C-alpha atoms as a PDB file:
ATOM      1  CA  MET A   1      84.741 108.806  32.535  1.00  0.00           C
ATOM      2  CA  SER A   2      86.206 109.784  29.224  1.00  0.00           C
ATOM      3  CA  PRO A   3      87.277 107.105  26.981  1.00  0.00           C
ATOM      4  CA  GLU A   4      90.913 107.991  27.611  1.00  0.00           C
ATOM      5  CA  GLN A   5      90.452 107.587  31.281  1.00  0.00           C
ATOM      6  CA  LEU A   6      88.557 104.056  30.761  1.00  0.00           C
ATOM      7  CA  ALA A   7      91.658 102.918  28.494  1.00  0.00           C
ATOM      8  CA  VAL A   8      94.130 104.023  31.324  1.00  0.00           C
ATOM      9  CA  MET A   9      92.329 101.911  33.802  1.00  0.00           C
ATOM     10  CA  ALA A  10      92.050  99.034  31.372  1.00  0.00           C
ATOM     11  CA  GLY A  11      95.844  99.482  31.017  1.00  0.00           C
ATOM     12  CA  ASN A  12      96.338  99.566  34.732  1.00  0.00           C
ATOM     13  CA  ARG A  13      94.772  96.579  35.153  1.00  0.00           C
ATOM     14  CA  GLN A  14      96.391  94.705  32.649  1.00  0.00           C
ATOM     15  CA  ALA A  15      99.760  95.958  34.070  1.00  0.00           C
ATOM     16  CA  LEU A  16      98.556  94.932  37.548  1.00  0.00           C
ATOM     17  CA  ALA A  17      97.857  91.162  36.352  1.00  0.00           C
ATOM     18  CA  ALA A  18     101.145  91.029  34.951  1.00  0.00           C
ATOM     19  CA  TYR A  19     103.299  91.850  37.941  1.00  0.00           C
ATOM     20  CA  ALA A  20     100.889  90.742  40.639  1.00  0.00           C
ATOM     21  CA  GLY A  21      99.256  87.688  39.284  1.00  0.00           C
ATOM     22  CA  ALA A  22      95.645  86.590  39.252  1.00  0.00           C
ATOM     23  CA  GLY A  23      95.321  86.424  42.940  1.00  0.00           C
ATOM     24  CA  MET A  24      95.649  89.227  45.271  1.00  0.00           C
ATOM     25  CA  THR A  25      95.585  87.976  48.792  1.00  0.00           C
ATOM     26  CA  ASP A  26      97.451  88.841  51.997  1.00  0.00           C
ATOM     27  CA  GLU A  27      97.116  86.310  54.740  1.00  0.00           C
ATOM     28  CA  THR A  28      98.418  88.969  57.169  1.00  0.00           C
ATOM     29  CA  LEU A  29      96.502  91.881  56.327  1.00  0.00           C
ATOM     30  CA  ARG A  30      93.630  91.480  58.804  1.00  0.00           C
ATOM     31  CA  ARG A  31      96.227  91.090  61.404  1.00  0.00           C
ATOM     32  CA  ARG A  32      98.073  93.977  60.623  1.00  0.00           C
ATOM     33  CA  LEU A  33      94.992  96.084  60.317  1.00  0.00           C
ATOM     34  CA  ALA A  34      93.635  95.167  63.919  1.00  0.00           C
ATOM     35  CA  ARG A  35      96.999  96.698  65.123  1.00  0.00           C
ATOM     36  CA  LEU A  36      96.230 100.398  63.607  1.00  0.00           C
ATOM     37  CA  SER A  37      95.335 102.860  66.444  1.00  0.00           C
ATOM     38  CA  LEU A  38      94.798 105.870  64.311  1.00  0.00           C
ATOM     39  CA  PRO A  39      91.632 107.303  63.300  1.00  0.00           C
ATOM     40  CA  VAL A  40      90.256 105.495  60.067  1.00  0.00           C
ATOM     41  CA  CYS A  41      87.415 105.933  57.820  1.00  0.00           C
ATOM     42  CA  ALA A  42      87.210 103.394  54.713  1.00  0.00           C
ATOM     43  CA  LEU A  43      85.673 105.150  51.803  1.00  0.00           C
ATOM     44  CA  TRP A  44      84.440 103.020  49.181  1.00  0.00           C
ATOM     45  CA  GLY A  45      82.566 103.501  46.063  1.00  0.00           C
ATOM     46  CA  ASP A  46      78.962 102.188  45.683  1.00  0.00           C
ATOM     47  CA  SER A  47      79.567 101.280  41.811  1.00  0.00           C
ATOM     48  CA  ASP A  48      83.191  99.811  42.376  1.00  0.00           C
ATOM     49  CA  ARG A  49      83.177  96.845  39.959  1.00  0.00           C
ATOM     50  CA  ILE A  50      87.043  95.894  40.788  1.00  0.00           C
ATOM     51  CA  VAL A  51      86.733  95.476  44.532  1.00  0.00           C
ATOM     52  CA  ASP A  52      83.173  94.928  45.890  1.00  0.00           C
ATOM     53  CA  PRO A  53      82.144  97.408  48.893  1.00  0.00           C
ATOM     54  CA  ASP A  54      81.644  94.340  51.100  1.00  0.00           C
ATOM     55  CA  TYR A  55      85.793  94.382  50.816  1.00  0.00           C
ATOM     56  CA  GLY A  56      85.619  98.084  52.178  1.00  0.00           C
ATOM     57  CA  ARG A  57      83.217  96.962  55.118  1.00  0.00           C
ATOM     58  CA  ALA A  58      85.445  94.066  55.849  1.00  0.00           C
ATOM     59  CA  PHE A  59      88.343  96.450  56.064  1.00  0.00           C
ATOM     60  CA  ALA A  60      86.725  98.684  58.349  1.00  0.00           C
ATOM     61  CA  ALA A  61      85.468  96.046  60.573  1.00  0.00           C
ATOM     62  CA  ALA A  62      89.250  94.579  60.972  1.00  0.00           C
ATOM     63  CA  ILE A  63      90.486  97.912  62.139  1.00  0.00           C
ATOM     64  CA  PRO A  64      89.380  98.867  66.001  1.00  0.00           C
ATOM     65  CA  GLY A  65      86.819 101.812  65.845  1.00  0.00           C
ATOM     66  CA  ALA A  66      87.126 102.572  62.092  1.00  0.00           C
ATOM     67  CA  GLY A  67      83.894 103.940  60.296  1.00  0.00           C
ATOM     68  CA  PHE A  68      82.833 103.014  56.840  1.00  0.00           C
ATOM     69  CA  GLN A  69      81.272 105.400  54.121  1.00  0.00           C
ATOM     70  CA  LEU A  70      80.012 104.509  50.915  1.00  0.00           C
ATOM     71  CA  LEU A  71      80.128 107.255  48.275  1.00  0.00           C
ATOM     72  CA  SER A  72      77.245 107.358  45.950  1.00  0.00           C
ATOM     73  CA  ASP A  73      77.720 107.111  42.191  1.00  0.00           C
ATOM     74  CA  THR A  74      81.415 106.211  42.677  1.00  0.00           C
ATOM     75  CA  GLY A  75      83.347 103.250  41.451  1.00  0.00           C
ATOM     76  CA  HIS A  76      87.046 102.182  41.781  1.00  0.00           C
ATOM     77  CA  VAL A  77      88.659 105.383  41.336  1.00  0.00           C
ATOM     78  CA  PRO A  78      87.085 108.273  43.426  1.00  0.00           C
ATOM     79  CA  GLN A  79      89.631 110.843  43.146  1.00  0.00           C
ATOM     80  CA  ILE A  80      88.867 110.792  39.203  1.00  0.00           C
ATOM     81  CA  GLU A  81      85.183 109.769  39.363  1.00  0.00           C
ATOM     82  CA  SER A  82      83.712 111.832  41.959  1.00  0.00           C
ATOM     83  CA  PRO A  83      86.504 114.159  43.541  1.00  0.00           C
ATOM     84  CA  ASP A  84      83.891 116.515  45.353  1.00  0.00           C
ATOM     85  CA  ARG A  85      82.282 113.605  47.198  1.00  0.00           C
ATOM     86  CA  LEU A  86      85.542 112.174  48.165  1.00  0.00           C
ATOM     87  CA  LEU A  87      86.944 115.321  49.500  1.00  0.00           C
ATOM     88  CA  GLY A  88      83.680 115.846  51.098  1.00  0.00           C
ATOM     89  CA  ALA A  89      83.728 112.635  52.929  1.00  0.00           C
ATOM     90  CA  ILE A  90      87.572 113.225  53.996  1.00  0.00           C
ATOM     91  CA  ARG A  91      86.828 116.753  54.923  1.00  0.00           C
ATOM     92  CA  GLN A  92      83.629 115.371  57.076  1.00  0.00           C
ATOM     93  CA  PHE A  93      85.971 112.872  58.918  1.00  0.00           C
ATOM     94  CA  VAL A  94      88.770 115.162  59.601  1.00  0.00           C
ATOM     95  CA  SER A  95      86.352 118.020  61.011  1.00  0.00           C
ATOM     96  CA  ALA A  96      84.663 115.403  63.249  1.00  0.00           C
ATOM     97  CA  ARG A  97      88.056 114.217  64.563  1.00  0.00           C
ATOM     98  CA  VAL A  98      89.057 117.886  65.159  1.00  0.00           C
ATOM     99  CA  ALA A  99      85.867 119.027  67.109  1.00  0.00           C
ATOM    100  CA  GLY A 100      85.509 115.978  68.983  1.00  0.00           C
END
């Protein structure tokens, strides 16, 4: 990522901490995820230093029938860091649903 992109990300983290606080937990999330009934694939960056990939695995495990895919050489912002890998994973997921 460019120095400008890194600076924007740092500013976003500071803003998030200012209005969301230090803890970002939602005790109702697991229960709400369990009610989802649409096809889901949690896509996660293998180099995410903000939210560990195990969180993505936990999200996927909480959603009935959901899949999980780890994007290589990708951090927390795949749409900027590796858009081709992200779009490829989305296209593959959608294609599998349309064909199946």
